[in-house]
Structure formats: C-alpha cells, structure tokens
C-alpha atoms as a PDB file:
ATOM      1  CA  UNK A   1     -65.577  87.898  11.437  1.00  0.00           C
ATOM      2  CA  UNK A   2     -67.409  88.302   8.156  1.00  0.00           C
ATOM      3  CA  UNK A   3     -65.897  87.173   4.890  1.00  0.00           C
ATOM      4  CA  UNK A   4     -65.414  89.531   1.971  1.00  0.00           C
ATOM      5  CA  UNK A   5     -64.302  88.942  -1.593  1.00  0.00           C
ATOM      6  CA  UNK A   6     -61.796  91.236  -3.290  1.00  0.00           C
ATOM      7  CA  UNK A   7     -61.290  91.169  -7.041  1.00  0.00           C
ATOM      8  CA  UNK A   8     -58.540  92.107  -9.448  1.00  0.00           C
ATOM      9  CA  UNK A   9     -59.051  92.259 -13.223  1.00  0.00           C
ATOM     10  CA  UNK A  10     -56.159  91.852 -15.656  1.00  0.00           C
ATOM     11  CA  UNK A  11     -55.739  91.421 -19.396  1.00  0.00           C
ATOM     12  CA  UNK A  12     -53.320  89.546 -21.632  1.00  0.00           C
ATOM     13  CA  UNK A  13     -53.045  88.624 -25.301  1.00  0.00           C
ATOM     14  CA  UNK A  14     -51.891  85.189 -26.392  1.00  0.00           C
ATOM     15  CA  UNK A  15     -51.985  82.831 -29.347  1.00  0.00           C
ATOM     16  CA  UNK A  16     -52.693  79.121 -29.210  1.00  0.00           C
ATOM     17  CA  UNK A  17     -53.769  76.089 -31.191  1.00  0.00           C
ATOM     18  CA  UNK A  18     -56.189  73.514 -29.847  1.00  0.00           C
ATOM     19  CA  UNK A  19     -54.875  70.165 -30.968  1.00  0.00           C
ATOM     20  CA  UNK A  20     -54.689  66.606 -29.655  1.00  0.00           C
ATOM     21  CA  UNK A  21     -51.562  64.924 -31.082  1.00  0.00           C
ATOM     22  CA  UNK A  22     -53.088  61.486 -30.457  1.00  0.00           C
ATOM     23  CA  UNK A  23     -55.767  62.230 -33.057  1.00  0.00           C
ATOM     24  CA  UNK A  24     -55.500  62.520 -36.824  1.00  0.00           C
ATOM     25  CA  UNK A  25     -55.993  65.861 -38.558  1.00  0.00           C
ATOM     26  CA  UNK A  26     -59.591  65.083 -39.507  1.00  0.00           C
ATOM     27  CA  UNK A  27     -60.646  64.406 -35.921  1.00  0.00           C
ATOM     28  CA  UNK A  28     -58.780  67.479 -34.648  1.00  0.00           C
ATOM     29  CA  UNK A  29     -60.544  69.593 -37.264  1.00  0.00           C
ATOM     30  CA  UNK A  30     -63.924  68.040 -36.430  1.00  0.00           C
ATOM     31  CA  UNK A  31     -63.562  68.665 -32.670  1.00  0.00           C
ATOM     32  CA  UNK A  32     -61.656  71.968 -32.576  1.00  0.00           C
ATOM     33  CA  UNK A  33     -62.660  73.557 -35.904  1.00  0.00           C
ATOM     34  CA  UNK A  34     -60.940  76.862 -36.665  1.00  0.00           C
ATOM     35  CA  UNK A  35     -59.285  76.742 -33.236  1.00  0.00           C
ATOM     36  CA  UNK A  36     -57.129  73.943 -34.704  1.00  0.00           C
ATOM     37  CA  UNK A  37     -55.545  76.299 -37.248  1.00  0.00           C
ATOM     38  CA  UNK A  38     -51.962  75.005 -37.757  1.00  0.00           C
ATOM     39  CA  UNK A  39     -50.800  78.640 -37.878  1.00  0.00           C
ATOM     40  CA  UNK A  40     -52.426  79.367 -34.491  1.00  0.00           C
ATOM     41  CA  UNK A  41     -54.926  82.075 -33.567  1.00  0.00           C
ATOM     42  CA  UNK A  42     -55.111  84.586 -30.740  1.00  0.00           C
ATOM     43  CA  UNK A  43     -57.344  85.943 -28.016  1.00  0.00           C
ATOM     44  CA  UNK A  44     -57.521  89.047 -25.883  1.00  0.00           C
ATOM     45  CA  UNK A  45     -57.994  87.271 -22.563  1.00  0.00           C
ATOM     46  CA  UNK A  46     -59.563  88.981 -19.570  1.00  0.00           C
ATOM     47  CA  UNK A  47     -58.763  87.492 -16.186  1.00  0.00           C
ATOM     48  CA  UNK A  48     -60.618  88.073 -12.926  1.00  0.00           C
ATOM     49  CA  UNK A  49     -58.992  86.902  -9.709  1.00  0.00           C
ATOM     50  CA  UNK A  50     -61.095  86.746  -6.535  1.00  0.00           C
ATOM     51  CA  UNK A  51     -59.811  86.261  -2.994  1.00  0.00           C
ATOM     52  CA  UNK A  52     -62.241  85.609  -0.148  1.00  0.00           C
ATOM     53  CA  UNK A  53     -61.374  85.878   3.500  1.00  0.00           C
ATOM     54  CA  UNK A  54     -61.767  87.932   6.642  1.00  0.00           C
ATOM     55  CA  UNK A  55     -60.845  91.601   6.825  1.00  0.00           C
ATOM     56  CA  UNK A  56     -57.645  92.076   8.805  1.00  0.00           C
ATOM     57  CA  UNK A  57     -58.573  94.424  11.694  1.00  0.00           C
ATOM     58  CA  UNK A  58     -55.142  96.085  11.595  1.00  0.00           C
ATOM     59  CA  UNK A  59     -54.958  96.844   7.845  1.00  0.00           C
ATOM     60  CA  UNK A  60     -58.615  96.794   6.823  1.00  0.00           C
ATOM     61  CA  UNK A  61     -57.604  94.515   3.931  1.00  0.00           C
ATOM     62  CA  UNK A  62     -58.548  90.995   2.971  1.00  0.00           C
ATOM     63  CA  UNK A  63     -55.305  91.128   0.973  1.00  0.00           C
ATOM     64  CA  UNK A  64     -53.316  94.060  -0.392  1.00  0.00           C
ATOM     65  CA  UNK A  65     -54.555  94.589  -3.968  1.00  0.00           C
ATOM     66  CA  UNK A  66     -51.194  96.026  -5.060  1.00  0.00           C
ATOM     67  CA  UNK A  67     -49.505  92.859  -3.826  1.00  0.00           C
ATOM     68  CA  UNK A  68     -52.126  90.784  -5.671  1.00  0.00           C
ATOM     69  CA  UNK A  69     -51.478  92.786  -8.844  1.00  0.00           C
ATOM     70  CA  UNK A  70     -47.742  92.118  -8.517  1.00  0.00           C
ATOM     71  CA  UNK A  71     -48.322  88.377  -8.041  1.00  0.00           C
ATOM     72  CA  UNK A  72     -50.617  88.176 -11.076  1.00  0.00           C
ATOM     73  CA  UNK A  73     -48.062  90.065 -13.155  1.00  0.00           C
ATOM     74  CA  UNK A  74     -45.249  87.724 -12.099  1.00  0.00           C
ATOM     75  CA  UNK A  75     -47.175  84.442 -12.307  1.00  0.00           C
ATOM     76  CA  UNK A  76     -49.447  85.090 -15.305  1.00  0.00           C
ATOM     77  CA  UNK A  77     -48.844  88.216 -17.367  1.00  0.00           C
ATOM     78  CA  UNK A  78     -45.067  87.925 -17.619  1.00  0.00           C
ATOM     79  CA  UNK A  79     -45.425  84.282 -18.691  1.00  0.00           C
ATOM     80  CA  UNK A  80     -48.348  84.467 -21.143  1.00  0.00           C
ATOM     81  CA  UNK A  81     -48.831  88.012 -22.471  1.00  0.00           C
ATOM     82  CA  UNK A  82     -47.910  88.273 -26.164  1.00  0.00           C
ATOM     83  CA  UNK A  83     -46.805  84.633 -26.253  1.00  0.00           C
ATOM     84  CA  UNK A  84     -47.762  81.585 -28.248  1.00  0.00           C
ATOM     85  CA  UNK A  85     -48.960  79.358 -25.416  1.00  0.00           C
ATOM     86  CA  UNK A  86     -48.134  76.143 -27.297  1.00  0.00           C
ATOM     87  CA  UNK A  87     -44.623  77.154 -28.322  1.00  0.00           C
ATOM     88  CA  UNK A  88     -43.419  79.774 -25.845  1.00  0.00           C
ATOM     89  CA  UNK A  89     -44.515  78.352 -22.479  1.00  0.00           C
ATOM     90  CA  UNK A  90     -43.614  75.196 -20.602  1.00  0.00           C
ATOM     91  CA  UNK A  91     -47.090  75.068 -19.055  1.00  0.00           C
ATOM     92  CA  UNK A  92     -48.749  74.271 -22.375  1.00  0.00           C
ATOM     93  CA  UNK A  93     -46.013  72.494 -24.290  1.00  0.00           C
ATOM     94  CA  UNK A  94     -47.864  69.197 -23.721  1.00  0.00           C
ATOM     95  CA  UNK A  95     -51.169  70.458 -22.261  1.00  0.00           C
ATOM     96  CA  UNK A  96     -53.859  71.552 -24.718  1.00  0.00           C
ATOM     97  CA  UNK A  97     -54.322  75.304 -24.013  1.00  0.00           C
ATOM     98  CA  UNK A  98     -58.103  75.347 -23.820  1.00  0.00           C
ATOM     99  CA  UNK A  99     -59.681  78.097 -21.728  1.00  0.00           C
ATOM    100  CA  UNK A 100     -60.430  75.419 -19.129  1.00  0.00           C
ATOM    101  CA  UNK A 101     -56.811  74.282 -18.912  1.00  0.00           C
ATOM    102  CA  UNK A 102     -55.475  77.838 -18.907  1.00  0.00           C
ATOM    103  CA  UNK A 103     -57.760  78.771 -15.988  1.00  0.00           C
ATOM    104  CA  UNK A 104     -56.680  75.721 -13.972  1.00  0.00           C
ATOM    105  CA  UNK A 105     -52.974  76.398 -14.598  1.00  0.00           C
ATOM    106  CA  UNK A 106     -53.408  80.050 -13.614  1.00  0.00           C
ATOM    107  CA  UNK A 107     -55.256  79.023 -10.442  1.00  0.00           C
ATOM    108  CA  UNK A 108     -52.424  76.657  -9.439  1.00  0.00           C
ATOM    109  CA  UNK A 109     -49.765  79.289 -10.128  1.00  0.00           C
ATOM    110  CA  UNK A 110     -51.605  81.857  -8.026  1.00  0.00           C
ATOM    111  CA  UNK A 111     -52.529  79.384  -5.294  1.00  0.00           C
ATOM    112  CA  UNK A 112     -48.842  78.627  -4.714  1.00  0.00           C
ATOM    113  CA  UNK A 113     -48.099  82.359  -4.295  1.00  0.00           C
ATOM    114  CA  UNK A 114     -51.005  83.330  -2.020  1.00  0.00           C
ATOM    115  CA  UNK A 115     -51.916  82.608   1.600  1.00  0.00           C
ATOM    116  CA  UNK A 116     -53.794  79.325   1.849  1.00  0.00           C
ATOM    117  CA  UNK A 117     -56.172  80.945   4.358  1.00  0.00           C
ATOM    118  CA  UNK A 118     -57.805  82.835   1.479  1.00  0.00           C
ATOM    119  CA  UNK A 119     -60.219  81.185  -0.935  1.00  0.00           C
ATOM    120  CA  UNK A 120     -59.068  81.727  -4.531  1.00  0.00           C
ATOM    121  CA  UNK A 121     -61.191  81.724  -7.674  1.00  0.00           C
ATOM    122  CA  UNK A 122     -60.356  82.757 -11.226  1.00  0.00           C
ATOM    123  CA  UNK A 123     -62.548  83.581 -14.191  1.00  0.00           C
ATOM    124  CA  UNK A 124     -60.928  83.610 -17.616  1.00  0.00           C
ATOM    125  CA  UNK A 125     -62.748  85.299 -20.490  1.00  0.00           C
ATOM    126  CA  UNK A 126     -61.600  84.015 -23.863  1.00  0.00           C
ATOM    127  CA  UNK A 127     -64.174  86.246 -25.574  1.00  0.00           C
ATOM    128  CA  UNK A 128     -66.937  88.487 -24.255  1.00  0.00           C
ATOM    129  CA  UNK A 129     -69.309  85.524 -24.408  1.00  0.00           C
ATOM    130  CA  UNK A 130     -67.045  82.569 -23.629  1.00  0.00           C
ATOM    131  CA  UNK A 131     -65.502  82.243 -20.201  1.00  0.00           C
ATOM    132  CA  UNK A 132     -64.633  79.672 -17.596  1.00  0.00           C
ATOM    133  CA  UNK A 133     -64.435  79.783 -13.809  1.00  0.00           C
ATOM    134  CA  UNK A 134     -62.268  77.697 -11.506  1.00  0.00           C
ATOM    135  CA  UNK A 135     -62.088  77.749  -7.719  1.00  0.00           C
ATOM    136  CA  UNK A 136     -59.878  74.767  -7.007  1.00  0.00           C
ATOM    137  CA  UNK A 137     -62.667  72.288  -6.402  1.00  0.00           C
ATOM    138  CA  UNK A 138     -61.322  68.890  -7.269  1.00  0.00           C
ATOM    139  CA  UNK A 139     -57.740  70.185  -7.151  1.00  0.00           C
END
C-alpha cells in the first residue's frame, strides 16, 4: 500500500529567554543577543505536524485529522500557548527553549500520543524566515 503524508498546522504564542546559566552575562549576551533579554521576549509560533503512513482501506484515513488536532491541543497548545516557556512550563525549566529544543520536545510529546506505525515529523516556525524541522532521527 502506498504511503501518504497528512499535515496539521497550528499556532501558539509564547515568551522565552535564551540563556545558559553556566555562562556569565557577557557570554550569554554575545551568543544569544537580544534573545537573552532578562525580561523575556515572545514569538508567534507556527507548528506543522506531519504523519506518514498507509491509508486505512476501511476509513480512507492515514489518521483522523480531528483526532490529531485534539492531540496537538492537549500536548502542545494547552501547555505552551500564552505562557512563558522558561517560567510556566516544566519542559523548559532547565532546558534552554531554543526553537530546536522546542521542536524536539513537541515531537516527543506527540510521539508518545500517536501510533508508532506512523512516521512523525514537526516543523516549528519561530518567525516567517526562521524554522526548524525534526523527525525523530537520533531520538
């Protein structure tokens, strides 16, 4: 049976500060620049979730997109939307909330809630021009 990819796009807003507590303020400022603002800064994140697998001959679905929407809402949006990632979430209390780390954490949260028979990939847009992709390779 042929493989198809289905996609779901979502959006959330969150604040964060990029900061390595093992470094002094000068090094943090040099590496992270204005993203190291001690008062935090925010992004309007766009998230794309892709599932790849065979089409079920009984339903015609790879996976029910409404069910996928509900999982993304529970695992991502309810946790991160309108939150300070550093202060308001356990996921990033000690993990620097870079776009790379956020994408990996989201992938793991979704992976645990989805059938392992489906290939999962996420793309997280921090801005229109800056985005990261993660598909679990090396997980």
